[in-house]
Every structure is written in C-alpha cells, then in structure tokens.
Protein backbone atom coordinates (compact mmCIF):
# COMPACT_ATOMS: atom_id res chain seq x y z
CA MET A 1 106.07 40.75 -35.74
CA GLU A 2 108.83 38.93 -35.43
CA ILE A 3 111.36 39.51 -32.92
CA VAL A 4 114.96 37.76 -31.94
CA ILE A 5 116.24 38.37 -28.59
CA THR A 6 119.82 37.35 -27.94
CA ALA A 7 121.39 37.16 -24.37
CA VAL A 8 125.57 36.53 -23.71
CA GLY A 9 126.93 36.94 -20.46
CA PRO A 10 128.77 35.13 -17.33
CA ASP A 11 126.94 31.81 -16.67
CA ASN A 12 124.43 31.78 -13.61
CA VAL A 13 121.26 30.12 -12.57
CA GLY A 14 118.00 31.63 -13.49
CA LEU A 15 119.28 33.61 -16.20
CA ALA A 16 116.90 32.43 -19.26
CA ASP A 17 113.84 32.66 -16.64
CA PRO A 18 112.95 36.50 -16.39
CA ILE A 19 113.44 36.66 -20.00
CA ILE A 20 111.00 34.14 -21.10
CA HIS A 21 108.66 35.15 -18.23
CA GLU A 22 108.73 38.68 -19.34
CA ILE A 23 107.74 38.17 -23.40
CA THR A 24 105.21 34.93 -22.62
CA GLY A 25 103.58 37.64 -20.22
CA ARG A 26 103.02 39.71 -23.12
CA GLY A 27 101.29 37.00 -25.30
CA ALA A 28 104.31 36.49 -27.26
CA ASN A 29 104.46 33.12 -29.04
CA ILE A 30 107.80 31.31 -28.81
CA THR A 31 108.79 29.87 -31.87
CA GLU A 32 112.58 29.08 -31.77
CA ILE A 33 114.75 29.06 -28.67
CA GLN A 34 118.54 27.99 -28.46
CA MET A 35 120.58 28.20 -24.89
CA TYR A 36 124.29 27.01 -24.66
CA ASN A 37 126.09 26.81 -21.20
CA HIS A 38 130.05 26.58 -21.60
CA ASP A 39 130.97 25.39 -17.94
CA GLU A 40 134.74 25.84 -18.67
CA ALA A 41 134.46 29.34 -19.75
CA ALA A 42 131.39 30.20 -17.39
CA VAL A 43 129.55 31.77 -20.39
CA PHE A 44 125.93 32.13 -21.00
CA ALA A 45 124.18 32.35 -24.48
CA MET A 46 120.81 32.38 -25.44
CA MET A 47 118.26 33.52 -28.92
CA CYS A 48 114.75 33.63 -28.63
CA ARG A 49 112.63 34.16 -31.81
CA ILE A 50 109.03 35.11 -30.92
CA ASP A 51 105.83 36.43 -32.95
CA VAL A 52 104.37 39.22 -31.05
CA ARG A 53 101.93 42.08 -31.62
CA PRO A 54 104.09 45.33 -33.00
CA ALA A 55 102.83 47.42 -30.12
CA GLN A 56 104.90 44.94 -27.88
CA LEU A 57 108.46 45.80 -29.48
CA GLU A 58 109.15 48.94 -27.38
CA PRO A 59 107.76 47.74 -24.09
CA ILE A 60 109.68 44.33 -24.69
CA GLU A 61 112.95 46.77 -25.49
CA HIS A 62 112.56 48.63 -22.27
CA ALA A 63 112.20 45.50 -20.26
CA MET A 64 115.52 43.51 -21.50
CA ILE A 65 117.54 46.38 -20.56
CA GLY A 66 116.33 46.20 -16.99
CA ILE A 67 116.89 41.93 -16.91
CA GLY A 68 120.15 42.81 -18.72
CA ASN A 69 121.30 45.01 -15.95
CA ALA A 70 120.20 42.86 -13.32
CA LYS A 71 121.44 39.67 -14.66
CA GLU A 72 124.80 41.37 -16.20
CA LEU A 73 123.55 39.95 -19.72
CA GLU A 74 123.95 42.01 -22.92
CA ILE A 75 120.71 41.89 -24.61
CA ARG A 76 119.86 42.56 -27.81
CA VAL A 77 116.09 43.11 -29.26
CA TRP A 78 115.81 43.04 -33.06
CA SER A 79 113.38 42.56 -35.80
CA PRO A 80 113.71 41.99 -39.16
CA GLU A 81 110.78 44.12 -40.07
CA LYS A 82 111.93 47.24 -37.95
CA ARG A 83 113.06 49.26 -40.83
CA GLY A 84 110.73 47.76 -43.55
CA LEU A 85 112.66 47.09 -47.01
CA LYS A 86 115.45 48.95 -45.51
CA PRO A 87 117.81 47.13 -43.56
CA ARG A 88 121.07 48.31 -42.44
CA LEU A 89 124.15 46.27 -43.27
CA ALA A 90 127.77 45.75 -42.24
CA ILE A 91 130.04 44.86 -45.01
CA CYS A 92 132.97 43.20 -43.37
CA THR A 93 136.49 42.99 -45.61
CA THR A 94 140.04 42.13 -45.36
CA LEU A 95 142.01 42.39 -48.85
CA ILE A 96 139.80 41.46 -51.54
CA GLU A 97 137.78 44.18 -53.02
CA SER A 98 135.69 42.74 -55.36
CA THR A 99 132.97 41.31 -53.48
CA PRO A 100 132.45 44.04 -51.03
CA ARG A 101 132.21 46.34 -54.45
CA ALA A 102 129.54 43.92 -55.82
CA VAL A 103 127.37 43.96 -52.63
CA LEU A 104 127.97 48.30 -52.68
CA GLU A 105 126.84 48.20 -56.41
CA ALA A 106 123.82 46.03 -55.84
CA ILE A 107 122.65 48.36 -53.23
CA GLU A 108 122.94 51.40 -55.24
CA SER A 109 121.41 50.08 -58.38
CA GLY A 110 118.45 48.79 -56.14
CA ALA A 111 119.07 45.12 -56.80
CA ILE A 112 119.38 44.80 -52.82
CA GLU A 113 116.97 46.53 -51.16
CA ALA A 114 119.05 47.87 -48.01
CA GLN A 115 121.29 50.40 -46.63
CA ALA A 116 125.04 50.29 -46.62
CA ALA A 117 125.69 51.58 -43.02
CA VAL A 118 129.08 51.02 -42.56
CA VAL A 119 132.00 48.93 -44.31
CA ILE A 120 134.39 47.21 -41.18
CA GLY A 121 137.69 46.27 -42.20
CA ASN A 122 140.67 44.37 -40.23
CA ARG A 123 143.04 45.77 -43.00
CA ARG A 124 142.47 49.34 -44.81
CA LYS A 125 142.59 47.90 -48.28
CA CYS A 126 138.85 48.53 -48.68
CA GLU A 127 138.96 52.09 -47.01
CA ALA A 128 139.00 53.74 -50.49
CA LEU A 129 135.97 51.80 -51.86
CA ALA A 130 134.15 52.92 -48.97
CA ARG A 131 134.99 56.41 -49.72
CA GLU A 132 133.88 55.74 -53.41
CA PHE A 133 130.38 54.81 -52.58
CA ASN A 134 130.21 57.40 -49.45
CA VAL A 135 130.27 54.69 -46.77
CA PRO A 136 132.01 55.19 -43.35
CA PHE A 137 134.59 53.05 -42.93
CA GLU A 138 135.90 51.34 -39.51
CA PHE A 139 139.18 49.73 -38.97
CA ILE A 140 139.09 47.26 -36.41
CA GLY A 141 142.40 45.54 -37.12
CA SER A 142 146.24 45.60 -35.97
CA ASP A 143 149.11 46.05 -38.29
CA GLU A 144 149.51 42.05 -38.55
CA GLY A 145 145.54 42.22 -39.40
CA ALA A 146 144.23 40.83 -35.94
CA ALA A 147 141.00 42.03 -35.57
CA ASP A 148 139.37 43.74 -32.57
CA ASP A 149 136.37 41.71 -32.38
CA VAL A 150 135.27 43.86 -29.21
CA LEU A 151 135.45 46.73 -31.36
CA MET A 152 133.86 45.49 -34.06
CA VAL A 153 130.65 44.66 -31.86
CA GLU A 154 130.55 48.07 -30.76
CA HIS A 155 130.52 49.44 -34.40
CA LEU A 156 127.92 46.82 -35.22
CA ASP A 157 125.70 48.15 -32.17
CA ARG A 158 126.39 52.05 -33.09
CA TYR A 159 125.22 51.77 -36.73
CA GLU A 160 122.02 49.90 -35.65
CA ILE A 161 123.04 47.13 -37.89
CA ASP A 162 120.72 44.41 -39.04
CA TYR A 163 122.45 41.92 -41.12
CA VAL A 164 126.52 41.61 -40.92
CA ILE A 165 128.06 40.53 -44.48
CA LEU A 166 131.19 38.84 -44.68
CA ALA A 167 132.42 40.20 -48.07
CA ARG A 168 135.47 37.64 -47.76
CA TYR A 169 136.29 38.57 -44.21
CA MET A 170 139.01 36.39 -43.60
CA ARG A 171 138.95 35.91 -39.63
CA VAL A 172 136.98 33.62 -37.86
CA LEU A 173 134.12 35.44 -35.61
CA PRO A 174 134.11 34.49 -31.92
CA PRO A 175 131.30 32.18 -30.79
CA ASP A 176 130.11 35.01 -28.52
CA THR A 177 130.14 37.62 -31.49
CA CYS A 178 127.74 35.10 -33.25
CA TRP A 179 125.78 34.58 -30.52
CA LYS A 180 124.96 38.16 -30.00
CA PHE A 181 124.12 38.29 -33.45
CA ALA A 182 122.31 34.84 -33.94
CA GLY A 183 118.92 34.03 -35.66
CA GLY A 184 120.13 34.10 -39.66
CA ARG A 185 122.11 38.06 -38.97
CA ILE A 186 125.34 36.89 -40.23
CA ILE A 187 126.15 36.22 -44.07
CA ASN A 188 129.43 34.61 -44.91
CA LEU A 189 130.86 34.31 -48.67
CA HIS A 190 133.02 31.12 -48.49
CA HIS A 191 135.16 30.78 -52.04
CA GLY A 192 134.54 27.18 -52.16
CA LEU A 193 131.56 24.43 -52.62
CA LEU A 194 130.69 23.58 -49.09
CA PRO A 195 130.55 21.07 -47.64
CA SER A 196 132.86 19.54 -50.18
CA PHE A 197 135.90 21.98 -49.87
CA PRO A 198 136.07 23.81 -46.76
CA GLY A 199 139.20 25.59 -45.19
CA LEU A 200 141.34 28.06 -46.03
CA ARG A 201 142.55 26.69 -49.89
CA PRO A 202 139.19 25.53 -51.24
CA TYR A 203 140.54 26.18 -54.88
CA HIS A 204 143.47 24.47 -54.78
CA ASP A 205 141.85 21.52 -53.04
CA ALA A 206 139.45 21.50 -55.91
CA TYR A 207 142.15 21.77 -58.48
CA ASN A 208 144.27 19.09 -56.64
CA ALA A 209 141.32 16.86 -56.87
CA ARG A 210 140.97 17.38 -60.41
CA MET A 211 137.56 19.56 -60.58
CA LEU A 212 136.74 21.31 -63.33
CA THR A 213 133.76 23.03 -61.81
CA PHE A 214 134.51 25.52 -59.32
CA GLY A 215 132.20 27.49 -57.07
CA ALA A 216 131.24 29.48 -54.17
CA THR A 217 128.93 29.17 -51.02
CA CYS A 218 127.01 31.86 -49.38
CA HIS A 219 125.70 30.80 -45.94
CA PHE A 220 124.53 31.80 -42.45
CA ILE A 221 127.37 31.77 -39.96
CA VAL A 222 125.99 30.01 -36.79
CA PRO A 223 127.96 30.06 -33.13
CA GLU A 224 128.75 26.12 -33.51
CA LEU A 225 131.09 25.20 -35.81
CA ASP A 226 130.46 21.80 -36.61
CA ALA A 227 126.34 22.69 -36.90
CA GLY A 228 126.57 22.28 -40.61
CA ASN A 229 126.40 24.37 -43.82
CA GLN A 230 123.56 26.79 -43.52
CA THR A 231 123.90 27.40 -47.36
CA ILE A 232 121.63 30.30 -48.61
CA ASN A 233 123.30 30.45 -52.21
CA GLN A 234 125.72 28.29 -54.28
CA SER A 235 127.09 29.55 -57.99
CA THR A 236 129.57 27.53 -59.85
CA PHE A 237 131.81 27.65 -63.33
CA SER A 238 133.72 25.17 -65.50
CA VAL A 239 136.74 25.30 -66.84
CA SER A 240 138.59 23.26 -69.50
CA PRO A 241 141.42 20.83 -68.62
CA GLY A 242 144.84 22.36 -68.05
CA THR A 243 143.46 25.53 -66.97
CA LYS A 244 146.21 27.19 -64.61
CA ILE A 245 145.03 27.58 -61.13
CA GLU A 246 146.19 30.96 -61.03
CA GLU A 247 143.40 31.87 -64.01
CA ILE A 248 140.94 29.93 -62.09
CA ILE A 249 141.10 31.69 -58.94
CA SER A 250 141.43 35.18 -60.69
CA ARG A 251 137.95 34.35 -62.33
CA GLY A 252 136.33 33.00 -59.39
CA GLN A 253 137.34 36.21 -57.48
CA ARG A 254 136.41 38.37 -60.37
CA GLU A 255 132.99 37.06 -61.86
CA ASN A 256 131.78 33.74 -59.32
CA GLU A 257 132.13 35.00 -55.65
CA PRO A 258 130.81 38.70 -56.29
CA ASN A 259 127.13 37.06 -57.79
CA CYS A 260 127.23 34.32 -55.46
CA LEU A 261 127.42 36.86 -52.26
CA VAL A 262 124.72 39.22 -53.96
CA GLU A 263 122.09 37.06 -54.68
CA GLY A 264 122.69 35.35 -51.23
CA VAL A 265 122.24 38.62 -49.50
CA ARG A 266 119.42 39.82 -51.71
CA ARG A 267 117.46 36.58 -50.80
CA VAL A 268 117.95 37.02 -46.93
CA VAL A 269 117.25 40.87 -47.25
CA ALA A 270 114.08 40.28 -49.15
CA ARG A 271 112.85 37.64 -46.74
CA GLU A 272 112.61 35.10 -49.10
CA VAL A 273 114.92 32.80 -46.46
CA GLN A 274 115.40 32.69 -43.33
CA LEU A 275 117.51 30.62 -40.59
CA HIS A 276 115.24 28.46 -38.16
CA PHE A 277 116.87 25.94 -35.76
CA HIS A 278 120.21 26.28 -38.02
CA ARG A 279 118.18 25.17 -41.36
CA VAL A 280 117.82 27.77 -44.24
CA ILE A 281 113.99 27.63 -44.74
CA ALA A 282 112.28 29.33 -47.72
CA THR A 283 109.42 31.77 -46.54
CA SER A 284 106.58 33.40 -48.03
CA LYS A 285 107.40 36.99 -47.57
CA LYS A 286 108.97 38.33 -50.96
C-alpha cells in the first residue's frame, strides 16, 4: 500500500529521525523522500512516500499523531488507496465558472470517478454553481479577494480531501500549504502552454508573439516555484489569422480549458499518472 507522509513545522534538529525510525521499524520501503529547511523562516518540511502492508496504515496514523505532538509538527498521513475508486476532491475557484462546472459535470457523469466533497472560493462567484450540484461551498476570501490560506487548509482537512483541484483559482498557494499536501495531491489549470507562456496573461503573450495556436496546461503544483512544469495534460486550439484576442480568450475559457482540466484530473484520479521526485510518470494502475 502506498502512503504519503508530510510534516511541516518550526525548524529544529532531529525532526525527521522519529518519523523515519517509526516507518522503517514497521517494515516500510521508502520510495521517495524530500526535506526542506528554510533557515531564515525557521521552517522544516518533509514529504515521504512509502510502500507498506495495508494493516500498517492505522498504526502509522496513530504513531504520527504522537510524533507531531512531541515535535510540534503538522503531520498528515494519506494514501491514494484508502478510498479506492472514489477519492474526495476540493474544487477551488475564483471568478471563472466554466472550468469548475466541467469538473462537476464529469464527476456527475462518471467520467471522473471521484466525489466532489467541497467547492472553495476566494470569491463568491461559484457559490451558486456549488448549490446547483449539491456540493458544500466554503468562502475563504476577503472583500478584495485575498485568500485566507489557513482557513483553506482547515477546510481541506475537515472535508478529508484527497486531491485539491485549482480550477482557475487565481491565487498562489503558499509553500507551506504545498508541502502539507505534497506528493501529487494539488492539481492546477494554467490557461496557457507551459513552459512557453507562464504568467497571468498567457493568451495576450501568445497573441503578441503572433501565435495561431493557443492552449492550456494541467499540472501538479510543487512547493518549489522553479522546480519545473509537472505537466499532466495539455490541449490546444488553432485560430485563423486576424482572430481578435477577445474571441480567442472566450473560446479558450469555454472549450479548451475545461476539457484540459477534466482530462488531467481524470488521469490523476484513475492513477494513470503520479508525481515522483517532481516528475510526472505513467503508472500501470488503471
């Protein structure tokens, strides 16, 4: 059974030792481990992926609670196999409705085998959409649209979320949130082709570069901003010379972005791909 353990907290010596000692003492095979120490911020973060007998999941969960209390660490124990074919998704939104709608429709039709556990928004634009699909909506924004990242994590824990879907959620997640749900649990849609067109205005950048092909990228989020593009899926569409930028953006938002995100989420939920040492790899589990 695959288990991912993440630990985040104030930096100190010997924080990783009790975690590693506990899991290896239970016969676990460590398949991936990453650690981060930020001296200036005095922050420690760790992600460990292990392979262990299913009967060890509950004892490891209990042991990590004790270690977390003793070392002042937020420790999360998660397995993609715990809920079988119905992982729980948090769909995070800002203003654009078409992409979260596409994910909710794909879940309803069975194209994505998952549960829509909650819609989270730093704006209230998609609250009615959540009601339409009978999904709880949690507002984490201010009047200006600033996001309460601490509250977001509280909701993700309370709803027992397996995967966080950033469906045109137009806020950058802080590194500690990324570490808390590291290991390929945060999926983002970028409205441009990466790595060629990053940033906030990829349609305009591609248009100014005289491109006739535009696209979107579904990728894993990792804590290190410069770690590369962990691409799960990309989709494109072409236009005729002279097509106005407004028409290009409208077509991209209506058709291309939703299709790109749905297929990316489907691949992850079906465990056709996973993130391993910041690389997207194909798996044999379909």
